[in-house]
Amino acid sequence: MNTAFDRITINPGSMNGQPCSRGMRLTLRRVVKAVAAYPDRDELKQDYPEIDDEDIRQALEFAAISLDDQILTYRCSP
């Protein structure tokens, strides 16, 4: 994995300090949600022309390493 996130910016004065793509007002959360909502990459790029493949790759990688490997136990109700 490439951990040099050169397209991810964090500015406490913008977007409440949330990680964004290339200093735009486009949070990584929004990028990841867009990828999930648009399985067709071409359709995603039509609605979000400012996002390119490297933005998507870095957003997904950042999200993946931000997840905790903690194991949670869930009880199912009958």
Protein backbone atom coordinates (compact mmCIF):
# COMPACT_ATOMS: atom_id res chain seq x y z
CA MET A 1 0.00 0.00 0.00
CA ASN A 2 1.09 3.53 -0.75
CA THR A 3 0.80 5.61 2.39
CA ALA A 4 2.05 8.89 0.90
CA PHE A 5 -1.31 10.63 0.75
CA ASP A 6 -0.27 13.56 -1.41
CA ARG A 7 -3.86 14.33 -2.46
CA ILE A 8 -5.38 14.33 1.01
CA THR A 9 -5.47 17.58 2.91
CA ILE A 10 -6.59 18.33 6.44
CA ASN A 11 -7.24 21.95 7.33
CA PRO A 12 -8.84 22.74 10.71
CA GLY A 13 -10.38 25.87 9.18
CA SER A 14 -12.11 24.02 6.34
CA MET A 15 -14.87 21.42 6.50
CA ASN A 16 -14.42 21.14 10.29
CA GLY A 17 -10.98 19.65 9.80
CA GLN A 18 -12.24 16.58 7.96
CA PRO A 19 -9.81 15.02 5.47
CA CYS A 20 -10.52 16.35 1.97
CA SER A 21 -9.38 15.63 -1.53
CA ARG A 22 -6.78 18.09 -2.84
CA GLY A 23 -7.91 20.99 -0.67
CA MET A 24 -11.36 21.02 -2.26
CA ARG A 25 -14.51 21.13 -0.19
CA LEU A 26 -14.91 17.45 -1.00
CA THR A 27 -14.43 15.23 2.04
CA LEU A 28 -13.02 11.74 1.80
CA ARG A 29 -16.23 10.53 3.40
CA ARG A 30 -18.12 11.99 0.43
CA VAL A 31 -15.72 10.35 -2.05
CA VAL A 32 -16.09 6.93 -0.41
CA LYS A 33 -19.89 7.29 -0.30
CA ALA A 34 -19.92 8.29 -3.97
CA VAL A 35 -17.87 5.22 -4.91
CA ALA A 36 -20.37 3.03 -3.05
CA ALA A 37 -23.37 4.77 -4.62
CA TYR A 38 -22.01 4.70 -8.18
CA PRO A 39 -20.77 1.23 -9.11
CA ASP A 40 -20.25 2.56 -12.66
CA ARG A 41 -17.08 4.69 -12.49
CA ASP A 42 -18.03 6.60 -15.66
CA GLU A 43 -21.36 7.65 -14.12
CA LEU A 44 -19.55 8.74 -10.95
CA LYS A 45 -17.18 10.90 -13.00
CA GLN A 46 -20.12 12.51 -14.81
CA ASP A 47 -21.67 13.61 -11.52
CA TYR A 48 -18.32 14.34 -9.81
CA PRO A 49 -15.98 15.51 -12.61
CA GLU A 50 -13.48 16.86 -10.08
CA ILE A 51 -12.72 13.36 -8.77
CA ASP A 52 -10.14 11.32 -10.63
CA ASP A 53 -8.92 7.74 -10.21
CA GLU A 54 -6.04 8.66 -7.91
CA ASP A 55 -8.38 10.66 -5.64
CA ILE A 56 -10.59 7.59 -5.36
CA ARG A 57 -7.67 5.23 -4.72
CA GLN A 58 -6.23 7.41 -1.97
CA ALA A 59 -9.63 7.98 -0.35
CA LEU A 60 -10.29 4.23 -0.21
CA GLU A 61 -6.79 3.49 1.10
CA PHE A 62 -7.09 6.21 3.76
CA ALA A 63 -10.47 4.80 4.82
CA ALA A 64 -9.08 1.26 4.96
CA ILE A 65 -6.14 2.11 7.19
CA SER A 66 -8.40 4.25 9.38
CA LEU A 67 -10.54 1.24 10.27
CA ASP A 68 -9.80 -0.58 13.46
CA ASP A 69 -9.19 -4.33 13.41
CA GLN A 70 -11.20 -4.68 16.61
CA ILE A 71 -13.47 -7.73 16.70
CA LEU A 72 -17.02 -6.93 17.81
CA THR A 73 -19.45 -9.54 19.05
CA TYR A 74 -23.08 -9.03 18.12
CA ARG A 75 -26.00 -10.84 19.64
CA CYS A 76 -28.91 -11.56 17.35
CA SER A 77 -32.40 -11.19 18.76
CA PRO A 78 -34.72 -14.16 18.30
